[in-house]
Amino acid sequence: MRLNYVIFLFVSLLLIIFLTININLIWFDRNEGQEYFDFNRTLTKALCSGRMCRDFVVSCSGKEVVSLEPISGFVTFGNDWIDKRVQKELC
C-alpha cells in the first residue's frame, strides 16, 4: 500500500513538472522573456455598406487580415434599418 502511494506521488510530481515546462515553452518566448500568443484564427463577419450587408469568412494572423472570402450574397435591409453594431477592426 505504501509503495503505491510513493509511486503515485512520483508520477504526479513528474506530471506537474512536465506540464509546467510545456506551458512555459508555449506561452513565453524563451529568447525575449516576453509573453506571446498565437492569434491565427478564422471567423465569420457581416460587412455592411449602408443598408447592404454580406457575410465573409475572415482569416487573421495577429491583427492582419490574411484572407477575406464571401460566403453569402448581398442582403438589403429596409430604409429604417440601423446597424447597431460597433464596427471594430476585422481581426
C-alpha atoms as a PDB file:
ATOM      1  CA  MET A   1       0.000   0.000   0.000  1.00  0.00           C
ATOM      2  CA  ARG A   2       2.790   2.409   0.912  1.00  0.00           C
ATOM      3  CA  LEU A   3       4.631   1.575  -2.342  1.00  0.00           C
ATOM      4  CA  ASN A   4       1.532   2.508  -4.370  1.00  0.00           C
ATOM      5  CA  TYR A   5       1.369   5.842  -2.565  1.00  0.00           C
ATOM      6  CA  VAL A   6       5.040   6.577  -3.308  1.00  0.00           C
ATOM      7  CA  ILE A   7       4.601   5.648  -6.982  1.00  0.00           C
ATOM      8  CA  PHE A   8       1.505   7.856  -7.197  1.00  0.00           C
ATOM      9  CA  LEU A   9       3.383  10.821  -5.714  1.00  0.00           C
ATOM     10  CA  PHE A  10       6.345  10.292  -8.035  1.00  0.00           C
ATOM     11  CA  VAL A  11       4.161  10.108 -11.156  1.00  0.00           C
ATOM     12  CA  SER A  12       2.167  13.161 -10.026  1.00  0.00           C
ATOM     13  CA  LEU A  13       5.358  15.138  -9.484  1.00  0.00           C
ATOM     14  CA  LEU A  14       6.664  14.187 -12.927  1.00  0.00           C
ATOM     15  CA  LEU A  15       3.353  15.196 -14.498  1.00  0.00           C
ATOM     16  CA  ILE A  16       3.382  18.591 -12.779  1.00  0.00           C
ATOM     17  CA  ILE A  17       6.966  19.239 -13.878  1.00  0.00           C
ATOM     18  CA  PHE A  18       6.181  18.194 -17.457  1.00  0.00           C
ATOM     19  CA  LEU A  19       3.102  20.439 -17.652  1.00  0.00           C
ATOM     20  CA  THR A  20       4.951  23.405 -16.152  1.00  0.00           C
ATOM     21  CA  ILE A  21       7.760  23.132 -18.696  1.00  0.00           C
ATOM     22  CA  ASN A  22       5.319  22.805 -21.613  1.00  0.00           C
ATOM     23  CA  ILE A  23       3.228  25.771 -20.504  1.00  0.00           C
ATOM     24  CA  ASN A  24       6.340  27.923 -20.236  1.00  0.00           C
ATOM     25  CA  LEU A  25       7.508  26.892 -23.713  1.00  0.00           C
ATOM     26  CA  ILE A  26       4.112  27.599 -25.241  1.00  0.00           C
ATOM     27  CA  TRP A  27       3.287  30.939 -23.611  1.00  0.00           C
ATOM     28  CA  PHE A  28       6.676  32.610 -23.264  1.00  0.00           C
ATOM     29  CA  ASP A  29       9.231  33.476 -25.878  1.00  0.00           C
ATOM     30  CA  ARG A  30      12.408  31.939 -24.497  1.00  0.00           C
ATOM     31  CA  ASN A  31      14.702  34.463 -26.204  1.00  0.00           C
ATOM     32  CA  GLU A  32      12.879  37.635 -25.192  1.00  0.00           C
ATOM     33  CA  GLY A  33      11.215  36.502 -21.987  1.00  0.00           C
ATOM     34  CA  GLN A  34       8.013  38.150 -23.190  1.00  0.00           C
ATOM     35  CA  GLU A  35       4.572  36.680 -23.488  1.00  0.00           C
ATOM     36  CA  TYR A  36       3.298  35.931 -26.945  1.00  0.00           C
ATOM     37  CA  PHE A  37       0.079  34.476 -28.231  1.00  0.00           C
ATOM     38  CA  ASP A  38      -0.753  32.736 -31.471  1.00  0.00           C
ATOM     39  CA  PHE A  39      -3.534  34.823 -32.974  1.00  0.00           C
ATOM     40  CA  ASN A  40      -4.066  32.784 -36.143  1.00  0.00           C
ATOM     41  CA  ARG A  41      -7.807  32.384 -36.372  1.00  0.00           C
ATOM     42  CA  THR A  42     -10.773  32.294 -38.702  1.00  0.00           C
ATOM     43  CA  LEU A  43     -14.140  33.897 -38.056  1.00  0.00           C
ATOM     44  CA  THR A  44     -17.278  34.983 -39.888  1.00  0.00           C
ATOM     45  CA  LYS A  45     -18.355  38.587 -40.075  1.00  0.00           C
ATOM     46  CA  ALA A  46     -21.094  40.527 -41.812  1.00  0.00           C
ATOM     47  CA  LEU A  47     -19.682  43.571 -43.567  1.00  0.00           C
ATOM     48  CA  CYS A  48     -22.132  46.321 -44.373  1.00  0.00           C
ATOM     49  CA  SER A  49     -22.147  49.380 -46.562  1.00  0.00           C
ATOM     50  CA  GLY A  50     -25.195  51.492 -45.970  1.00  0.00           C
ATOM     51  CA  ARG A  51     -28.165  49.115 -45.953  1.00  0.00           C
ATOM     52  CA  MET A  52     -26.389  46.313 -47.858  1.00  0.00           C
ATOM     53  CA  CYS A  53     -24.593  43.531 -45.975  1.00  0.00           C
ATOM     54  CA  ARG A  54     -22.687  40.399 -46.940  1.00  0.00           C
ATOM     55  CA  ASP A  55     -21.209  37.581 -44.818  1.00  0.00           C
ATOM     56  CA  PHE A  56     -17.485  36.836 -45.097  1.00  0.00           C
ATOM     57  CA  VAL A  57     -15.038  34.278 -43.723  1.00  0.00           C
ATOM     58  CA  VAL A  58     -12.129  36.296 -42.341  1.00  0.00           C
ATOM     59  CA  SER A  59      -8.758  34.606 -41.738  1.00  0.00           C
ATOM     60  CA  CYS A  60      -6.362  36.513 -39.489  1.00  0.00           C
ATOM     61  CA  SER A  61      -2.749  36.313 -38.443  1.00  0.00           C
ATOM     62  CA  GLY A  62      -2.351  38.588 -35.470  1.00  0.00           C
ATOM     63  CA  LYS A  63      -4.220  41.761 -36.359  1.00  0.00           C
ATOM     64  CA  GLU A  64      -3.596  41.340 -40.088  1.00  0.00           C
ATOM     65  CA  VAL A  65      -6.255  40.041 -42.493  1.00  0.00           C
ATOM     66  CA  VAL A  66      -4.851  37.077 -44.421  1.00  0.00           C
ATOM     67  CA  SER A  67      -7.954  36.322 -46.496  1.00  0.00           C
ATOM     68  CA  LEU A  68     -11.499  37.596 -46.879  1.00  0.00           C
ATOM     69  CA  GLU A  69     -13.930  35.273 -48.680  1.00  0.00           C
ATOM     70  CA  PRO A  70     -17.642  35.970 -49.258  1.00  0.00           C
ATOM     71  CA  ILE A  71     -19.972  33.173 -48.130  1.00  0.00           C
ATOM     72  CA  SER A  72     -23.319  34.749 -48.973  1.00  0.00           C
ATOM     73  CA  GLY A  73     -24.965  37.085 -51.388  1.00  0.00           C
ATOM     74  CA  PHE A  74     -25.860  40.663 -50.551  1.00  0.00           C
ATOM     75  CA  VAL A  75     -28.757  41.382 -48.237  1.00  0.00           C
ATOM     76  CA  THR A  76     -30.501  44.746 -48.481  1.00  0.00           C
ATOM     77  CA  PHE A  77     -32.373  45.990 -45.440  1.00  0.00           C
ATOM     78  CA  GLY A  78     -35.260  48.475 -45.349  1.00  0.00           C
ATOM     79  CA  ASN A  79     -34.862  52.236 -45.154  1.00  0.00           C
ATOM     80  CA  ASP A  80     -35.494  52.217 -41.413  1.00  0.00           C
ATOM     81  CA  TRP A  81     -32.704  49.668 -40.683  1.00  0.00           C
ATOM     82  CA  ILE A  82     -29.885  50.862 -38.425  1.00  0.00           C
ATOM     83  CA  ASP A  83     -26.706  48.847 -37.893  1.00  0.00           C
ATOM     84  CA  LYS A  84     -26.362  48.899 -34.103  1.00  0.00           C
ATOM     85  CA  ARG A  85     -23.064  47.029 -34.087  1.00  0.00           C
ATOM     86  CA  VAL A  86     -19.953  48.867 -33.039  1.00  0.00           C
ATOM     87  CA  GLN A  87     -17.643  48.490 -36.016  1.00  0.00           C
ATOM     88  CA  LYS A  88     -14.252  47.235 -34.951  1.00  0.00           C
ATOM     89  CA  GLU A  89     -11.223  46.018 -36.846  1.00  0.00           C
ATOM     90  CA  LEU A  90     -11.720  42.724 -38.658  1.00  0.00           C
ATOM     91  CA  CYS A  91      -9.017  40.917 -36.692  1.00  0.00           C
END
